[in-house]
Amino acid sequence: MTREARIVISVGCPCGIGPEVTLAALRRPMHGARIALVCDAYVAARAAKLASVPLSKLVSVKDESLLFRLPKGKIVVLSPRPALA
């Protein structure tokens, strides 16, 4: 039985370059890995626009139990706290 990779990434300071660099790196397919970002949803959307990542690839969740239940090819954004903006 093969197991799929599950990757959770903290994008770092929302005021720094971490969100943009992370989203730019995720423009390419991750070979079937399921990706989740720990990030404010607004910050992730802004970074996606700057990194030319379609907003349709982002799925915002507030419940960590949903992290890896969404379709492959999506980038899950976990916003566990109130929005920053």
C-alpha atoms as a PDB file:
ATOM      1  CA  MET A   1       0.000   0.000   0.000  1.00  0.00           C
ATOM      2  CA  THR A   2       1.398   3.387  -0.959  1.00  0.00           C
ATOM      3  CA  ARG A   3       0.717   6.396   1.201  1.00  0.00           C
ATOM      4  CA  GLU A   4       0.308   9.887  -0.148  1.00  0.00           C
ATOM      5  CA  ALA A   5       2.407  12.716   1.178  1.00  0.00           C
ATOM      6  CA  ARG A   6       0.683  15.199   3.464  1.00  0.00           C
ATOM      7  CA  ILE A   7       2.516  18.462   3.904  1.00  0.00           C
ATOM      8  CA  VAL A   8       1.621  21.290   6.306  1.00  0.00           C
ATOM      9  CA  ILE A   9       3.480  24.582   5.830  1.00  0.00           C
ATOM     10  CA  SER A  10       3.526  27.578   8.136  1.00  0.00           C
ATOM     11  CA  VAL A  11       4.054  30.564   5.870  1.00  0.00           C
ATOM     12  CA  GLY A  12       5.681  32.685   8.554  1.00  0.00           C
ATOM     13  CA  CYS A  13       5.127  36.384   9.156  1.00  0.00           C
ATOM     14  CA  PRO A  14       2.211  37.722   7.118  1.00  0.00           C
ATOM     15  CA  CYS A  15       4.099  40.995   6.635  1.00  0.00           C
ATOM     16  CA  GLY A  16       7.203  39.291   5.231  1.00  0.00           C
ATOM     17  CA  ILE A  17       7.911  37.490   1.968  1.00  0.00           C
ATOM     18  CA  GLY A  18       7.049  34.028   3.324  1.00  0.00           C
ATOM     19  CA  PRO A  19       3.479  33.885   1.997  1.00  0.00           C
ATOM     20  CA  GLU A  20       4.487  34.954  -1.530  1.00  0.00           C
ATOM     21  CA  VAL A  21       7.490  32.621  -1.659  1.00  0.00           C
ATOM     22  CA  THR A  22       5.390  29.703  -0.396  1.00  0.00           C
ATOM     23  CA  LEU A  23       2.611  30.242  -2.933  1.00  0.00           C
ATOM     24  CA  ALA A  24       5.112  30.739  -5.757  1.00  0.00           C
ATOM     25  CA  ALA A  25       6.705  27.393  -4.862  1.00  0.00           C
ATOM     26  CA  LEU A  26       3.288  25.738  -4.958  1.00  0.00           C
ATOM     27  CA  ARG A  27       2.504  26.863  -8.516  1.00  0.00           C
ATOM     28  CA  ARG A  28       3.881  23.553  -9.739  1.00  0.00           C
ATOM     29  CA  PRO A  29       2.086  20.287  -8.988  1.00  0.00           C
ATOM     30  CA  MET A  30       3.398  18.481  -5.926  1.00  0.00           C
ATOM     31  CA  HIS A  31       3.131  14.977  -7.465  1.00  0.00           C
ATOM     32  CA  GLY A  32      -0.031  13.983  -5.654  1.00  0.00           C
ATOM     33  CA  ALA A  33       0.907  15.423  -2.267  1.00  0.00           C
ATOM     34  CA  ARG A  34      -1.839  17.099  -0.282  1.00  0.00           C
ATOM     35  CA  ILE A  35      -0.773  20.571   0.795  1.00  0.00           C
ATOM     36  CA  ALA A  36      -2.066  22.635   3.714  1.00  0.00           C
ATOM     37  CA  LEU A  37      -0.940  26.109   4.698  1.00  0.00           C
ATOM     38  CA  VAL A  38      -1.294  27.598   8.163  1.00  0.00           C
ATOM     39  CA  CYS A  39      -2.054  31.164   7.243  1.00  0.00           C
ATOM     40  CA  ASP A  40      -4.685  33.860   7.408  1.00  0.00           C
ATOM     41  CA  ALA A  41      -7.052  33.371   4.434  1.00  0.00           C
ATOM     42  CA  TYR A  42      -6.750  37.003   3.303  1.00  0.00           C
ATOM     43  CA  VAL A  43      -2.941  36.828   3.420  1.00  0.00           C
ATOM     44  CA  ALA A  44      -2.977  33.586   1.404  1.00  0.00           C
ATOM     45  CA  ALA A  45      -5.285  35.099  -1.225  1.00  0.00           C
ATOM     46  CA  ARG A  46      -3.116  38.216  -1.546  1.00  0.00           C
ATOM     47  CA  ALA A  47       0.037  36.088  -1.852  1.00  0.00           C
ATOM     48  CA  ALA A  48      -1.632  33.844  -4.437  1.00  0.00           C
ATOM     49  CA  LYS A  49      -2.452  36.862  -6.597  1.00  0.00           C
ATOM     50  CA  LEU A  50       1.131  38.132  -6.356  1.00  0.00           C
ATOM     51  CA  ALA A  51       2.504  34.658  -7.169  1.00  0.00           C
ATOM     52  CA  SER A  52       0.096  34.072 -10.094  1.00  0.00           C
ATOM     53  CA  VAL A  53      -1.639  31.158  -8.379  1.00  0.00           C
ATOM     54  CA  PRO A  54      -5.338  30.903  -9.313  1.00  0.00           C
ATOM     55  CA  LEU A  55      -7.568  31.670  -6.340  1.00  0.00           C
ATOM     56  CA  SER A  56      -9.638  28.635  -7.340  1.00  0.00           C
ATOM     57  CA  LYS A  57      -6.779  26.438  -6.058  1.00  0.00           C
ATOM     58  CA  LEU A  58      -7.182  27.802  -2.503  1.00  0.00           C
ATOM     59  CA  VAL A  59      -9.712  26.328  -0.092  1.00  0.00           C
ATOM     60  CA  SER A  60     -10.047  28.005   3.297  1.00  0.00           C
ATOM     61  CA  VAL A  61     -10.947  25.877   6.336  1.00  0.00           C
ATOM     62  CA  LYS A  62     -11.216  26.671  10.035  1.00  0.00           C
ATOM     63  CA  ASP A  63     -11.360  23.088  11.281  1.00  0.00           C
ATOM     64  CA  GLU A  64      -8.124  21.114  11.122  1.00  0.00           C
ATOM     65  CA  SER A  65     -10.060  17.841  10.757  1.00  0.00           C
ATOM     66  CA  LEU A  66     -10.799  18.915   7.158  1.00  0.00           C
ATOM     67  CA  LEU A  67      -7.169  19.485   6.194  1.00  0.00           C
ATOM     68  CA  PHE A  68      -6.673  16.362   4.123  1.00  0.00           C
ATOM     69  CA  ARG A  69     -10.245  15.489   3.169  1.00  0.00           C
ATOM     70  CA  LEU A  70     -10.439  17.902   0.270  1.00  0.00           C
ATOM     71  CA  PRO A  71      -9.675  17.004  -3.367  1.00  0.00           C
ATOM     72  CA  LYS A  72      -6.090  16.649  -4.524  1.00  0.00           C
ATOM     73  CA  GLY A  73      -4.746  19.631  -6.389  1.00  0.00           C
ATOM     74  CA  LYS A  74      -6.190  22.137  -3.933  1.00  0.00           C
ATOM     75  CA  ILE A  75      -4.137  24.161  -1.475  1.00  0.00           C
ATOM     76  CA  VAL A  76      -5.895  24.098   1.871  1.00  0.00           C
ATOM     77  CA  VAL A  77      -5.528  27.242   3.984  1.00  0.00           C
ATOM     78  CA  LEU A  78      -6.063  26.672   7.701  1.00  0.00           C
ATOM     79  CA  SER A  79      -7.001  29.893   9.485  1.00  0.00           C
ATOM     80  CA  PRO A  80      -7.334  28.732  13.088  1.00  0.00           C
ATOM     81  CA  ARG A  81      -7.675  32.224  14.588  1.00  0.00           C
ATOM     82  CA  PRO A  82      -9.772  35.298  13.784  1.00  0.00           C
ATOM     83  CA  ALA A  83      -8.851  37.010  10.531  1.00  0.00           C
ATOM     84  CA  LEU A  84      -5.987  39.507  10.614  1.00  0.00           C
ATOM     85  CA  ALA A  85      -7.589  41.957   8.174  1.00  0.00           C
END
